[in-house]
Amino acid sequence: MTPPALRASAYSPQLDIIKGLAIALVVAGHVLNRSPWPDPHLRLIGGWLVRLIYSFHIPLFFMLSGALFGGLRGRSSMGYVAGRFLRLMLPFGVYALLYHLVFFPDQGNVWSGLGNLYLWGNHWSLASLPTQEVLWFFPALLAINCLALTTGFLDRLGLLRGLVALLAVQMVCLWLFSQGLDRRYVPYCLDVALISFFFFHAGRLAAVPLKSPAPSQGRGLRLTAALSLLVLLACLYASRPYESLDMLRLRLWEMPLMDLSAFTGAAVCVLLAGTVAHRWSGMGEGLRLLGRYSLPIFGMHMFVVSGVMSLELLPTWWVRLSLTFVLAMLLPWAFARFVAHRFKPTRWLFLGGDA
């Protein structure tokens, strides 16, 4: 039988389609969250949509990272960590510097902030703007990739005991951060990473199902609709409206609802990816191309969202919202494609893990 690490490392275009769906949800959530709703009823509906999206879109990315984890592949542990650092933290530093220079060039000492970031993992030292807060995902993913080196220990524990151990880590982390601990001083987003490693490991265990999502039969769409309802119900019972580090706002009794939202939402995306791939090949190819550059889209889309939302050139709110979403997806994607093909020696600075 093929070891899980080797089986998970094989490339699958289905995973890129799921990544395309996931990054589209991330951008949609940020656009909806910043939209100036003209009516309180629309604002309520928009809040529900944001809550629905935020309940599973980031855990889904952690699951996808686990599904793609291929082990050390002959490298030393330090070599693996160094490689992940270069592929994640170089783009993180570049995006953080660009956000600072474009939006608040006179606020604070950005070089001191970068020093605190790389020496101590204090990503909050650069959070002078709300747009920068989305970059927390990069150091959190680095920490999870480093924690992935412990998957051999989890394999020895077995499936059930390994998941129980990770659930215990979730509960301990939620309890610790409910005691008023200031998470700004937790290096490299370990507060979120320790909780999210549960989703990473679940994705690693589900690598084969993720690569072979739902067939094209009608039951795939019906199951998608049923799971979507489960996600909605889970979100309605979950905690307050979500923000960038929402996991730490949950109380212990709400943790199962968080996991339910994450897993059912991920299942919906898997089923949708399978339906799209089998029935609408053009849309599937478009999502696959977006998924190939999900990391730079994640890092750069807030430039577009903040820029378009601040211009107020389009008086009709829904036109501005739609245009913001389309541009926030396509402009970073086009830039990433351009860098990948024209500036290969420096593409790691912008593309990171998608280089």
Protein backbone atom coordinates (compact mmCIF):
# COMPACT_ATOMS: atom_id res chain seq x y z
CA MET A 1 0.00 0.00 0.00
CA THR A 2 1.32 3.47 -0.91
CA PRO A 3 2.32 5.56 2.12
CA PRO A 4 0.00 8.55 2.73
CA ALA A 5 2.77 11.11 2.21
CA LEU A 6 3.64 9.81 -1.23
CA ARG A 7 0.03 9.42 -2.23
CA ALA A 8 -0.78 12.97 -1.14
CA SER A 9 2.13 14.50 -3.03
CA ALA A 10 0.87 13.52 -6.47
CA TYR A 11 -0.51 16.45 -8.45
CA SER A 12 -4.23 16.52 -9.10
CA PRO A 13 -6.03 19.20 -11.15
CA GLN A 14 -9.09 18.58 -8.96
CA LEU A 15 -7.27 20.16 -6.03
CA ASP A 16 -6.58 23.27 -8.10
CA ILE A 17 -10.30 23.56 -8.86
CA ILE A 18 -11.07 23.35 -5.13
CA LYS A 19 -8.35 25.96 -4.47
CA GLY A 20 -9.95 28.18 -7.11
CA LEU A 21 -13.31 27.90 -5.34
CA ALA A 22 -11.65 28.58 -1.98
CA ILE A 23 -9.81 31.71 -3.09
CA ALA A 24 -12.98 33.01 -4.77
CA LEU A 25 -14.76 32.62 -1.42
CA VAL A 26 -11.96 34.46 0.39
CA VAL A 27 -12.18 37.41 -2.00
CA ALA A 28 -15.99 37.37 -1.92
CA GLY A 29 -15.96 37.42 1.89
CA HIS A 30 -13.64 40.43 2.02
CA VAL A 31 -15.61 42.30 -0.66
CA LEU A 32 -18.92 41.66 1.11
CA ASN A 33 -17.41 42.59 4.46
CA ARG A 34 -16.31 46.00 3.14
CA SER A 35 -19.30 46.78 0.96
CA PRO A 36 -21.26 49.96 1.87
CA TRP A 37 -24.71 48.39 2.03
CA PRO A 38 -27.43 50.95 1.21
CA ASP A 39 -30.18 49.13 3.13
CA PRO A 40 -30.22 47.49 6.59
CA HIS A 41 -31.93 44.38 5.19
CA LEU A 42 -29.20 44.00 2.59
CA ARG A 43 -26.61 44.53 5.31
CA LEU A 44 -28.19 41.70 7.31
CA ILE A 45 -28.13 39.35 4.32
CA GLY A 46 -24.56 40.36 3.55
CA GLY A 47 -23.58 39.65 7.15
CA TRP A 48 -25.09 36.17 6.94
CA LEU A 49 -23.19 35.48 3.72
CA VAL A 50 -19.93 36.65 5.26
CA ARG A 51 -20.54 34.48 8.31
CA LEU A 52 -21.25 31.49 6.08
CA ILE A 53 -18.10 31.98 4.01
CA TYR A 54 -15.84 32.71 6.97
CA SER A 55 -16.99 29.58 8.79
CA PHE A 56 -15.00 27.29 6.50
CA HIS A 57 -12.93 29.06 3.82
CA ILE A 58 -9.67 29.30 5.80
CA PRO A 59 -9.93 25.81 7.37
CA LEU A 60 -10.47 24.56 3.80
CA PHE A 61 -7.12 26.05 2.77
CA PHE A 62 -5.44 24.30 5.69
CA MET A 63 -7.08 21.02 4.65
CA LEU A 64 -5.84 21.50 1.08
CA SER A 65 -2.34 22.16 2.40
CA GLY A 66 -2.54 18.87 4.29
CA ALA A 67 -3.78 17.04 1.20
CA LEU A 68 -0.79 18.38 -0.76
CA PHE A 69 1.77 17.59 1.96
CA GLY A 70 4.27 15.14 0.51
CA GLY A 71 6.67 14.67 3.41
CA LEU A 72 10.35 15.56 3.43
CA ARG A 73 11.09 13.84 0.06
CA GLY A 74 14.65 13.09 1.04
CA ARG A 75 15.39 16.48 2.61
CA SER A 76 16.48 17.08 6.17
CA SER A 77 14.00 18.64 8.57
CA MET A 78 15.96 21.90 8.56
CA GLY A 79 16.09 21.90 4.78
CA TYR A 80 12.33 21.45 4.59
CA VAL A 81 11.68 24.26 7.10
CA ALA A 82 14.11 26.59 5.29
CA GLY A 83 12.41 25.91 1.96
CA ARG A 84 8.94 26.60 3.37
CA PHE A 85 10.25 29.78 5.02
CA LEU A 86 11.52 31.10 1.69
CA ARG A 87 8.34 30.16 -0.16
CA LEU A 88 6.00 31.76 2.38
CA MET A 89 7.80 34.50 4.30
CA LEU A 90 9.51 36.20 1.36
CA PRO A 91 6.14 37.00 -0.27
CA PHE A 92 4.72 37.88 3.15
CA GLY A 93 7.46 40.49 3.70
CA VAL A 94 7.07 41.90 0.18
CA TYR A 95 3.28 42.27 0.49
CA ALA A 96 3.54 43.77 3.98
CA LEU A 97 6.12 46.30 2.75
CA LEU A 98 3.99 47.21 -0.27
CA TYR A 99 0.87 47.67 1.86
CA HIS A 100 2.81 49.95 4.18
CA LEU A 101 4.36 52.06 1.39
CA VAL A 102 1.16 52.39 -0.63
CA PHE A 103 -1.34 53.16 2.13
CA PHE A 104 0.57 54.58 5.12
CA PRO A 105 4.13 55.50 4.07
CA ASP A 106 4.60 57.87 7.02
CA GLN A 107 3.20 55.62 9.75
CA GLY A 108 5.77 53.84 11.91
CA ASN A 109 9.14 52.33 11.07
CA VAL A 110 8.49 49.60 8.53
CA TRP A 111 12.06 48.26 8.69
CA SER A 112 11.81 47.78 12.44
CA GLY A 113 8.51 46.02 11.83
CA LEU A 114 10.10 43.69 9.28
CA GLY A 115 12.90 42.96 11.75
CA ASN A 116 10.40 42.04 14.46
CA LEU A 117 8.56 39.93 11.93
CA TYR A 118 11.50 37.81 10.82
CA LEU A 119 13.41 37.63 14.11
CA TRP A 120 10.51 37.08 16.49
CA GLY A 121 7.62 36.16 14.21
CA ASN A 122 5.64 39.20 15.40
CA HIS A 123 3.44 39.77 12.34
CA TRP A 124 1.32 42.27 14.29
CA SER A 125 4.24 44.72 14.18
CA LEU A 126 3.24 45.50 10.59
CA ALA A 127 -0.53 45.54 11.08
CA SER A 128 -0.91 49.29 10.66
CA LEU A 129 -3.81 48.77 8.26
CA PRO A 130 -6.82 46.45 8.17
CA THR A 131 -5.66 45.39 4.69
CA GLN A 132 -2.52 43.88 6.18
CA GLU A 133 -4.42 41.67 8.57
CA VAL A 134 -5.21 39.19 5.78
CA LEU A 135 -1.49 38.38 5.62
CA TRP A 136 -1.66 36.47 8.92
CA PHE A 137 -2.33 33.37 6.82
CA PHE A 138 1.31 33.22 5.60
CA PRO A 139 3.08 32.81 8.99
CA ALA A 140 0.25 30.58 10.20
CA LEU A 141 0.73 28.28 7.21
CA LEU A 142 4.50 28.27 7.84
CA ALA A 143 3.93 27.19 11.43
CA ILE A 144 1.52 24.46 10.30
CA ASN A 145 4.00 23.21 7.70
CA CYS A 146 6.62 22.95 10.45
CA LEU A 147 4.16 21.13 12.69
CA ALA A 148 3.54 18.75 9.77
CA LEU A 149 6.88 17.15 10.57
CA THR A 150 5.10 15.55 13.55
CA THR A 151 2.67 13.61 11.33
CA GLY A 152 4.84 10.51 11.71
CA PHE A 153 4.08 10.56 15.42
CA LEU A 154 0.37 10.93 14.68
CA ASP A 155 0.55 8.00 12.26
CA ARG A 156 2.00 5.85 15.03
CA LEU A 157 -0.86 6.85 17.30
CA GLY A 158 -3.37 5.62 14.75
CA LEU A 159 -6.30 7.41 13.15
CA LEU A 160 -8.66 7.62 16.12
CA ARG A 161 -6.10 8.43 18.81
CA GLY A 162 -4.36 10.93 16.53
CA LEU A 163 -7.57 12.87 15.91
CA VAL A 164 -8.41 12.75 19.63
CA ALA A 165 -4.97 14.20 20.42
CA LEU A 166 -5.50 17.03 17.94
CA LEU A 167 -8.96 17.74 19.34
CA ALA A 168 -7.36 17.98 22.77
CA VAL A 169 -4.87 20.54 21.39
CA GLN A 170 -7.81 22.53 20.00
CA MET A 171 -9.52 22.59 23.39
CA VAL A 172 -6.36 23.55 25.28
CA CYS A 173 -5.64 26.41 22.85
CA LEU A 174 -9.18 27.73 23.07
CA TRP A 175 -9.05 27.55 26.86
CA LEU A 176 -5.66 29.35 27.01
CA PHE A 177 -6.75 32.20 24.79
CA SER A 178 -10.00 32.59 26.67
CA GLN A 179 -7.89 33.60 29.69
CA GLY A 180 -7.03 37.01 28.22
CA LEU A 181 -3.63 36.11 26.77
CA ASP A 182 -2.45 38.80 24.32
CA ARG A 183 -2.09 36.93 21.04
CA ARG A 184 -0.03 39.74 19.49
CA TYR A 185 3.01 38.26 21.19
CA VAL A 186 2.49 34.70 20.01
CA PRO A 187 5.15 34.13 17.32
CA TYR A 188 4.27 33.09 13.78
CA CYS A 189 0.53 32.83 14.49
CA LEU A 190 1.01 29.74 16.65
CA ASP A 191 -2.27 30.64 18.35
CA VAL A 192 -4.17 29.89 15.14
CA ALA A 193 -1.70 27.32 13.81
CA LEU A 194 -2.04 24.98 16.78
CA ILE A 195 -5.81 24.94 16.36
CA SER A 196 -5.73 24.73 12.55
CA PHE A 197 -3.28 21.82 12.48
CA PHE A 198 -6.33 19.67 13.16
CA PHE A 199 -7.72 20.69 9.76
CA PHE A 200 -4.33 20.20 8.10
CA HIS A 201 -4.10 16.65 9.40
CA ALA A 202 -7.72 15.93 8.43
CA GLY A 203 -6.93 17.09 4.90
CA ARG A 204 -3.86 14.89 4.84
CA LEU A 205 -5.97 11.88 5.82
CA ALA A 206 -8.59 12.80 3.20
CA ALA A 207 -6.07 13.32 0.39
CA VAL A 208 -7.54 10.65 -1.90
CA PRO A 209 -11.20 11.74 -1.57
CA LEU A 210 -10.13 15.35 -2.14
CA LYS A 211 -8.45 14.35 -5.39
CA SER A 212 -11.50 12.44 -6.59
CA PRO A 213 -14.49 14.66 -5.79
CA ALA A 214 -18.11 13.95 -6.58
CA PRO A 215 -19.08 12.27 -9.87
CA SER A 216 -21.33 13.99 -12.36
CA GLN A 217 -24.56 12.23 -11.35
CA GLY A 218 -27.52 14.28 -10.16
CA ARG A 219 -27.10 13.01 -6.61
CA GLY A 220 -23.91 15.09 -6.42
CA LEU A 221 -25.93 18.30 -6.74
CA ARG A 222 -28.56 17.10 -4.29
CA LEU A 223 -25.90 16.16 -1.76
CA THR A 224 -24.26 19.54 -2.28
CA ALA A 225 -27.54 21.29 -1.51
CA ALA A 226 -28.08 19.17 1.63
CA LEU A 227 -24.56 19.86 2.91
CA SER A 228 -24.96 23.57 2.15
CA LEU A 229 -28.00 23.59 4.43
CA LEU A 230 -25.94 21.89 7.15
CA VAL A 231 -23.25 24.55 6.81
CA LEU A 232 -25.83 27.32 7.08
CA LEU A 233 -27.38 25.79 10.19
CA ALA A 234 -23.95 25.31 11.76
CA CYS A 235 -23.08 28.94 11.08
CA LEU A 236 -26.33 30.22 12.53
CA TYR A 237 -25.57 28.38 15.76
CA ALA A 238 -21.91 29.34 15.81
CA SER A 239 -20.50 32.36 17.59
CA ARG A 240 -20.39 36.07 16.74
CA PRO A 241 -19.63 37.39 13.23
CA TYR A 242 -16.24 36.20 12.14
CA GLU A 243 -13.07 38.25 11.73
CA SER A 244 -9.57 37.35 10.57
CA LEU A 245 -8.69 35.38 13.72
CA ASP A 246 -12.19 34.18 14.45
CA MET A 247 -11.27 30.77 15.88
CA LEU A 248 -9.99 32.31 19.09
CA ARG A 249 -13.32 34.03 19.74
CA LEU A 250 -15.14 30.73 20.17
CA ARG A 251 -15.99 29.22 23.52
CA LEU A 252 -15.30 25.57 24.26
CA TRP A 253 -18.88 24.41 23.70
CA GLU A 254 -18.84 26.13 20.29
CA MET A 255 -15.77 24.23 19.06
CA PRO A 256 -17.77 21.26 17.63
CA LEU A 257 -19.87 23.76 15.66
CA MET A 258 -16.71 25.33 14.26
CA ASP A 259 -15.47 21.90 13.15
CA LEU A 260 -18.88 21.03 11.72
CA SER A 261 -18.97 24.24 9.70
CA ALA A 262 -15.44 23.68 8.44
CA PHE A 263 -15.93 20.07 7.39
CA THR A 264 -19.36 20.47 5.84
CA GLY A 265 -18.25 23.60 4.00
CA ALA A 266 -15.18 21.78 2.71
CA ALA A 267 -17.36 18.86 1.61
CA VAL A 268 -19.61 21.25 -0.31
CA CYS A 269 -16.60 22.71 -2.15
CA VAL A 270 -15.31 19.22 -2.97
CA LEU A 271 -18.69 18.20 -4.38
CA LEU A 272 -19.03 21.45 -6.31
CA ALA A 273 -15.54 21.01 -7.74
CA GLY A 274 -16.46 17.52 -8.93
CA THR A 275 -19.72 18.74 -10.47
CA VAL A 276 -17.99 21.64 -12.23
CA ALA A 277 -15.15 19.45 -13.51
CA HIS A 278 -17.52 16.87 -14.99
CA ARG A 279 -20.29 19.10 -16.30
CA TRP A 280 -18.81 22.52 -17.08
CA SER A 281 -15.28 21.97 -18.30
CA GLY A 282 -14.75 25.64 -19.21
CA MET A 283 -15.61 26.85 -15.73
CA GLY A 284 -13.51 24.05 -14.26
CA GLU A 285 -10.50 25.15 -16.31
CA GLY A 286 -10.98 28.75 -15.20
CA LEU A 287 -11.11 27.74 -11.54
CA ARG A 288 -8.08 25.51 -12.02
CA LEU A 289 -6.07 28.44 -13.43
CA LEU A 290 -7.11 30.63 -10.51
CA GLY A 291 -6.25 27.86 -8.06
CA ARG A 292 -2.74 27.58 -9.47
CA TYR A 293 -2.08 31.12 -8.20
CA SER A 294 -4.21 31.15 -5.07
CA LEU A 295 -1.38 32.30 -2.77
CA PRO A 296 -0.50 35.53 -4.67
CA ILE A 297 -4.22 36.27 -5.12
CA PHE A 298 -4.57 35.88 -1.35
CA GLY A 299 -1.66 38.25 -0.79
CA MET A 300 -2.57 40.94 -3.32
CA HIS A 301 -6.36 41.07 -3.60
CA MET A 302 -6.83 43.56 -0.76
CA PHE A 303 -4.91 46.16 -2.81
CA VAL A 304 -7.71 46.02 -5.36
CA VAL A 305 -10.55 45.74 -2.85
CA SER A 306 -9.37 48.78 -0.87
CA GLY A 307 -8.60 50.78 -4.00
CA VAL A 308 -11.89 50.22 -5.82
CA MET A 309 -14.01 50.62 -2.68
CA SER A 310 -12.34 53.95 -1.87
CA LEU A 311 -12.76 55.49 -5.33
CA GLU A 312 -16.57 55.66 -5.25
CA LEU A 313 -16.65 56.19 -9.00
CA LEU A 314 -19.57 53.83 -9.47
CA PRO A 315 -22.76 55.12 -7.80
CA THR A 316 -24.63 51.82 -8.08
CA TRP A 317 -23.56 49.69 -5.10
CA TRP A 318 -24.08 46.28 -6.68
CA VAL A 319 -22.08 47.26 -9.79
CA ARG A 320 -19.23 48.44 -7.57
CA LEU A 321 -19.42 45.24 -5.53
CA SER A 322 -19.38 43.00 -8.62
CA LEU A 323 -16.58 44.94 -10.31
CA THR A 324 -14.50 44.88 -7.13
CA PHE A 325 -14.82 41.10 -6.89
CA VAL A 326 -13.91 40.51 -10.55
CA LEU A 327 -10.94 42.87 -10.49
CA ALA A 328 -9.71 41.56 -7.12
CA MET A 329 -9.60 38.07 -8.63
CA LEU A 330 -8.27 38.81 -12.11
CA LEU A 331 -5.69 41.56 -11.56
CA PRO A 332 -3.56 39.61 -9.01
CA TRP A 333 -3.95 36.49 -11.16
CA ALA A 334 -2.78 38.34 -14.30
CA PHE A 335 0.15 39.85 -12.38
CA ALA A 336 1.13 36.44 -11.01
CA ARG A 337 1.01 34.90 -14.49
CA PHE A 338 3.14 37.76 -15.83
CA VAL A 339 5.75 37.38 -13.10
CA ALA A 340 5.81 33.59 -13.47
CA HIS A 341 6.56 33.79 -17.20
CA ARG A 342 8.69 36.95 -17.47
CA PHE A 343 10.61 37.30 -14.20
CA LYS A 344 11.45 33.75 -13.14
CA PRO A 345 14.54 34.65 -11.02
CA THR A 346 12.43 36.85 -8.70
CA ARG A 347 9.07 35.08 -8.87
CA TRP A 348 9.41 33.60 -5.35
CA LEU A 349 9.15 37.16 -4.01
CA PHE A 350 5.54 37.34 -5.21
CA LEU A 351 4.37 33.80 -5.85
CA GLY A 352 5.84 31.88 -2.93
CA GLY A 353 4.45 28.36 -2.80
CA ASP A 354 2.83 28.87 -6.22
CA ALA A 355 6.17 29.60 -7.89
